[in-house]
Amino acid sequence: MLCPPSQRTSRRIQHRTILLYSKRQDDLMKMVEKELKHWLNLRIRNVIFTSCDNVNNREPTSPLLVMCISTSRVAADAINAVKEITELDNTALVVFHHKDVHALSFIPSRRALSDSPFAALNNRIYDIAFLQEKGIYHCNFNDKAITDIATFLKQKLEQFG
């Protein structure tokens, strides 16, 4: 499936598309993707979130969120998530951590992911905590990440209209 263009017109409201990509397609990833859409829809209006199957066959101006769940070492999981992506200018990496708030590390993943190919992401690496039974939960860690992701997406949507 080709990824759609970044803008659509429907009922006089201009809807812009934000692309979501993950190599992992299991129920857990579907759950965190649904949760992320919900949280971002509270902060960004008139957008459509679309799953993208072929990230290198997309409109380059469309913002892309690459999602991965950290299951072992964050670097290995993140490298696997972005290794096939050739265009990172309008891309951000969202690393999901299956941890409760008291078990969160306060060292951002972007510190561990400073080498290539992550340098091209220019600090657009965001950490979000979740629990399978609660989803993405309220805490300062998550609130800041969602706000930062929304800010990145709004800037890209404004930049490319």
C-alpha atoms as a PDB file:
ATOM      1  CA  MET A   1       0.000   0.000   0.000  1.00  0.00           C
ATOM      2  CA  LEU A   2       1.337   3.404  -0.921  1.00  0.00           C
ATOM      3  CA  CYS A   3       1.383   6.092   1.706  1.00  0.00           C
ATOM      4  CA  PRO A   4      -1.126   8.878   1.051  1.00  0.00           C
ATOM      5  CA  PRO A   5      -0.298  12.502   0.287  1.00  0.00           C
ATOM      6  CA  SER A   6       0.109  14.841   3.236  1.00  0.00           C
ATOM      7  CA  GLN A   7      -3.106  16.765   2.677  1.00  0.00           C
ATOM      8  CA  ARG A   8      -6.736  15.890   2.016  1.00  0.00           C
ATOM      9  CA  THR A   9      -9.802  18.058   1.658  1.00  0.00           C
ATOM     10  CA  SER A  10     -13.024  16.844   3.194  1.00  0.00           C
ATOM     11  CA  ARG A  11     -16.105  18.942   3.946  1.00  0.00           C
ATOM     12  CA  ARG A  12     -14.115  22.174   3.664  1.00  0.00           C
ATOM     13  CA  ILE A  13     -11.785  21.129   6.476  1.00  0.00           C
ATOM     14  CA  GLN A  14      -8.249  20.513   5.400  1.00  0.00           C
ATOM     15  CA  HIS A  15      -7.026  17.275   6.930  1.00  0.00           C
ATOM     16  CA  ARG A  16      -3.328  16.659   6.991  1.00  0.00           C
ATOM     17  CA  THR A  17      -1.794  13.235   7.231  1.00  0.00           C
ATOM     18  CA  ILE A  18       0.679  12.024   9.805  1.00  0.00           C
ATOM     19  CA  LEU A  19       2.265   8.706   8.946  1.00  0.00           C
ATOM     20  CA  LEU A  20       2.933   5.971  11.485  1.00  0.00           C
ATOM     21  CA  TYR A  21       5.363   3.159  10.857  1.00  0.00           C
ATOM     22  CA  SER A  22       6.473   0.112  12.775  1.00  0.00           C
ATOM     23  CA  LYS A  23       8.075  -3.106  11.660  1.00  0.00           C
ATOM     24  CA  ARG A  24       6.359  -4.811  14.551  1.00  0.00           C
ATOM     25  CA  GLN A  25       2.702  -5.571  13.781  1.00  0.00           C
ATOM     26  CA  ASP A  26       1.488  -7.508  16.802  1.00  0.00           C
ATOM     27  CA  ASP A  27      -1.363  -6.725  19.209  1.00  0.00           C
ATOM     28  CA  LEU A  28       0.906  -4.880  21.621  1.00  0.00           C
ATOM     29  CA  MET A  29       2.119  -2.495  18.911  1.00  0.00           C
ATOM     30  CA  LYS A  30      -1.438  -1.959  17.705  1.00  0.00           C
ATOM     31  CA  MET A  31      -2.442  -1.070  21.263  1.00  0.00           C
ATOM     32  CA  VAL A  32       0.324   1.508  21.773  1.00  0.00           C
ATOM     33  CA  GLU A  33      -0.314   2.962  18.304  1.00  0.00           C
ATOM     34  CA  LYS A  34      -3.997   3.416  19.130  1.00  0.00           C
ATOM     35  CA  GLU A  35      -3.076   5.024  22.457  1.00  0.00           C
ATOM     36  CA  LEU A  36      -0.553   7.361  20.820  1.00  0.00           C
ATOM     37  CA  LYS A  37      -3.150   8.488  18.248  1.00  0.00           C
ATOM     38  CA  HIS A  38      -5.610   9.205  21.060  1.00  0.00           C
ATOM     39  CA  TRP A  39      -3.127  11.321  23.044  1.00  0.00           C
ATOM     40  CA  LEU A  40      -1.965  13.231  19.968  1.00  0.00           C
ATOM     41  CA  ASN A  41      -5.523  13.864  18.770  1.00  0.00           C
ATOM     42  CA  LEU A  42      -6.085  15.752  22.019  1.00  0.00           C
ATOM     43  CA  ARG A  43      -3.306  18.177  21.016  1.00  0.00           C
ATOM     44  CA  ILE A  44      -3.483  18.350  17.209  1.00  0.00           C
ATOM     45  CA  ARG A  45      -6.666  19.018  15.231  1.00  0.00           C
ATOM     46  CA  ASN A  46      -7.624  18.149  11.662  1.00  0.00           C
ATOM     47  CA  VAL A  47      -5.115  15.372  11.170  1.00  0.00           C
ATOM     48  CA  ILE A  48      -5.427  11.842   9.952  1.00  0.00           C
ATOM     49  CA  PHE A  49      -3.076   9.198  11.291  1.00  0.00           C
ATOM     50  CA  THR A  50      -2.261   6.600   8.658  1.00  0.00           C
ATOM     51  CA  SER A  51      -0.207   3.459   9.018  1.00  0.00           C
ATOM     52  CA  CYS A  52       2.475   3.299   6.384  1.00  0.00           C
ATOM     53  CA  ASP A  53       3.709   0.001   4.967  1.00  0.00           C
ATOM     54  CA  ASN A  54       6.445   1.337   2.697  1.00  0.00           C
ATOM     55  CA  VAL A  55       8.232   4.256   4.343  1.00  0.00           C
ATOM     56  CA  ASN A  56      10.525   4.881   1.392  1.00  0.00           C
ATOM     57  CA  ASN A  57       7.598   5.336  -0.988  1.00  0.00           C
ATOM     58  CA  ARG A  58       5.981   8.254   0.799  1.00  0.00           C
ATOM     59  CA  GLU A  59       5.649  11.944   0.166  1.00  0.00           C
ATOM     60  CA  PRO A  60       8.853  13.317   1.737  1.00  0.00           C
ATOM     61  CA  THR A  61       7.085  16.251   3.386  1.00  0.00           C
ATOM     62  CA  SER A  62       4.694  14.027   5.338  1.00  0.00           C
ATOM     63  CA  PRO A  63       5.655  13.798   9.011  1.00  0.00           C
ATOM     64  CA  LEU A  64       6.540  10.236   9.966  1.00  0.00           C
ATOM     65  CA  LEU A  65       6.529   8.704  13.430  1.00  0.00           C
ATOM     66  CA  VAL A  66       8.575   5.511  13.579  1.00  0.00           C
ATOM     67  CA  MET A  67       7.491   3.443  16.558  1.00  0.00           C
ATOM     68  CA  CYS A  68       9.365   0.724  18.377  1.00  0.00           C
ATOM     69  CA  ILE A  69       8.893  -1.096  21.644  1.00  0.00           C
ATOM     70  CA  SER A  70      12.063  -1.454  23.662  1.00  0.00           C
ATOM     71  CA  THR A  71      12.232  -5.126  24.564  1.00  0.00           C
ATOM     72  CA  SER A  72      15.909  -5.649  25.251  1.00  0.00           C
ATOM     73  CA  ARG A  73      18.526  -3.045  24.499  1.00  0.00           C
ATOM     74  CA  VAL A  74      17.089   0.234  23.263  1.00  0.00           C
ATOM     75  CA  ALA A  75      19.854   0.663  20.671  1.00  0.00           C
ATOM     76  CA  ALA A  76      19.197  -2.728  19.055  1.00  0.00           C
ATOM     77  CA  ASP A  77      15.436  -2.151  18.964  1.00  0.00           C
ATOM     78  CA  ALA A  78      15.823   1.365  17.564  1.00  0.00           C
ATOM     79  CA  ILE A  79      18.349   0.343  14.893  1.00  0.00           C
ATOM     80  CA  ASN A  80      15.954  -2.343  13.722  1.00  0.00           C
ATOM     81  CA  ALA A  81      13.098   0.190  13.619  1.00  0.00           C
ATOM     82  CA  VAL A  82      14.862   2.734  11.381  1.00  0.00           C
ATOM     83  CA  LYS A  83      17.313   0.643   9.364  1.00  0.00           C
ATOM     84  CA  GLU A  84      15.275   0.660   6.123  1.00  0.00           C
ATOM     85  CA  ILE A  85      14.349   4.349   6.226  1.00  0.00           C
ATOM     86  CA  THR A  86      16.358   6.464   3.817  1.00  0.00           C
ATOM     87  CA  GLU A  87      14.745   9.885   4.463  1.00  0.00           C
ATOM     88  CA  LEU A  88      14.817  11.063   8.087  1.00  0.00           C
ATOM     89  CA  ASP A  89      14.267  14.834   7.695  1.00  0.00           C
ATOM     90  CA  ASN A  90      10.598  14.790   8.730  1.00  0.00           C
ATOM     91  CA  THR A  91      10.880  11.712  10.893  1.00  0.00           C
ATOM     92  CA  ALA A  92      10.812  11.140  14.638  1.00  0.00           C
ATOM     93  CA  LEU A  93      11.418   7.938  16.569  1.00  0.00           C
ATOM     94  CA  VAL A  94       9.052   7.028  19.405  1.00  0.00           C
ATOM     95  CA  VAL A  95      10.458   4.417  21.777  1.00  0.00           C
ATOM     96  CA  PHE A  96       7.859   2.733  23.951  1.00  0.00           C
ATOM     97  CA  HIS A  97       8.996   1.347  27.305  1.00  0.00           C
ATOM     98  CA  HIS A  98       6.865  -1.309  29.005  1.00  0.00           C
ATOM     99  CA  LYS A  99       7.429   0.007  32.530  1.00  0.00           C
ATOM    100  CA  ASP A 100       5.540   1.464  35.436  1.00  0.00           C
ATOM    101  CA  VAL A 101       6.284   5.044  36.444  1.00  0.00           C
ATOM    102  CA  HIS A 102       8.438   4.060  39.458  1.00  0.00           C
ATOM    103  CA  ALA A 103      10.689   1.909  37.215  1.00  0.00           C
ATOM    104  CA  LEU A 104      11.386   4.552  34.575  1.00  0.00           C
ATOM    105  CA  SER A 105      14.923   5.582  33.789  1.00  0.00           C
ATOM    106  CA  PHE A 106      15.425   9.301  33.569  1.00  0.00           C
ATOM    107  CA  ILE A 107      18.123   8.972  30.922  1.00  0.00           C
ATOM    108  CA  PRO A 108      16.500   9.706  27.543  1.00  0.00           C
ATOM    109  CA  SER A 109      16.975   7.170  24.761  1.00  0.00           C
ATOM    110  CA  ARG A 110      18.408   9.908  22.550  1.00  0.00           C
ATOM    111  CA  ARG A 111      21.530   9.873  24.745  1.00  0.00           C
ATOM    112  CA  ALA A 112      22.063   6.190  24.014  1.00  0.00           C
ATOM    113  CA  LEU A 113      21.210   6.738  20.344  1.00  0.00           C
ATOM    114  CA  SER A 114      23.633   9.474  19.371  1.00  0.00           C
ATOM    115  CA  ASP A 115      25.512   7.581  16.638  1.00  0.00           C
ATOM    116  CA  SER A 116      24.537   7.126  13.007  1.00  0.00           C
ATOM    117  CA  PRO A 117      21.756   6.713  11.838  1.00  0.00           C
ATOM    118  CA  PHE A 118      20.272   8.492  14.836  1.00  0.00           C
ATOM    119  CA  ALA A 119      22.317  11.659  14.400  1.00  0.00           C
ATOM    120  CA  ALA A 120      20.120  12.394  11.349  1.00  0.00           C
ATOM    121  CA  LEU A 121      17.074  12.443  13.628  1.00  0.00           C
ATOM    122  CA  ASN A 122      18.533  15.535  15.297  1.00  0.00           C
ATOM    123  CA  ASN A 123      17.202  14.740  18.803  1.00  0.00           C
ATOM    124  CA  ARG A 124      13.759  13.767  17.508  1.00  0.00           C
ATOM    125  CA  ILE A 125      13.745  10.641  19.672  1.00  0.00           C
ATOM    126  CA  TYR A 126      10.957  10.452  22.239  1.00  0.00           C
ATOM    127  CA  ASP A 127      10.359   7.998  25.083  1.00  0.00           C
ATOM    128  CA  ILE A 128       6.904   6.938  26.218  1.00  0.00           C
ATOM    129  CA  ALA A 129       6.076   4.547  29.030  1.00  0.00           C
ATOM    130  CA  PHE A 130       3.087   2.221  28.958  1.00  0.00           C
ATOM    131  CA  LEU A 131       1.664  -0.825  30.643  1.00  0.00           C
ATOM    132  CA  GLN A 132      -0.183  -3.486  28.724  1.00  0.00           C
ATOM    133  CA  GLU A 133      -3.178  -3.300  31.060  1.00  0.00           C
ATOM    134  CA  LYS A 134      -3.227   0.534  31.338  1.00  0.00           C
ATOM    135  CA  GLY A 135      -1.843   1.705  28.004  1.00  0.00           C
ATOM    136  CA  ILE A 136      -0.017   5.041  27.949  1.00  0.00           C
ATOM    137  CA  TYR A 137      -0.614   6.474  31.397  1.00  0.00           C
ATOM    138  CA  HIS A 138      -0.497   9.955  32.913  1.00  0.00           C
ATOM    139  CA  CYS A 139       2.873  10.936  34.365  1.00  0.00           C
ATOM    140  CA  ASN A 140       5.302  13.819  33.837  1.00  0.00           C
ATOM    141  CA  PHE A 141       7.527  11.597  31.682  1.00  0.00           C
ATOM    142  CA  ASN A 142       4.694  10.795  29.243  1.00  0.00           C
ATOM    143  CA  ASP A 143       3.080  14.233  29.331  1.00  0.00           C
ATOM    144  CA  LYS A 144       6.370  15.848  28.290  1.00  0.00           C
ATOM    145  CA  ALA A 145       6.945  13.291  25.525  1.00  0.00           C
ATOM    146  CA  ILE A 146       3.438  13.710  24.069  1.00  0.00           C
ATOM    147  CA  THR A 147       3.781  17.503  24.205  1.00  0.00           C
ATOM    148  CA  ASP A 148       7.175  17.346  22.485  1.00  0.00           C
ATOM    149  CA  ILE A 149       5.900  14.983  19.772  1.00  0.00           C
ATOM    150  CA  ALA A 150       2.872  17.224  19.164  1.00  0.00           C
ATOM    151  CA  THR A 151       5.151  20.265  18.893  1.00  0.00           C
ATOM    152  CA  PHE A 152       7.362  18.495  16.348  1.00  0.00           C
ATOM    153  CA  LEU A 153       4.330  17.423  14.302  1.00  0.00           C
ATOM    154  CA  LYS A 154       2.715  20.871  14.396  1.00  0.00           C
ATOM    155  CA  GLN A 155       5.961  22.473  13.215  1.00  0.00           C
ATOM    156  CA  LYS A 156       6.214  20.043  10.307  1.00  0.00           C
ATOM    157  CA  LEU A 157       2.558  20.466   9.364  1.00  0.00           C
ATOM    158  CA  GLU A 158       2.887  24.262   9.414  1.00  0.00           C
ATOM    159  CA  GLN A 159       6.148  24.139   7.495  1.00  0.00           C
ATOM    160  CA  PHE A 160       4.641  22.151   4.638  1.00  0.00           C
ATOM    161  CA  GLY A 161       1.097  23.526   4.865  1.00  0.00           C
END
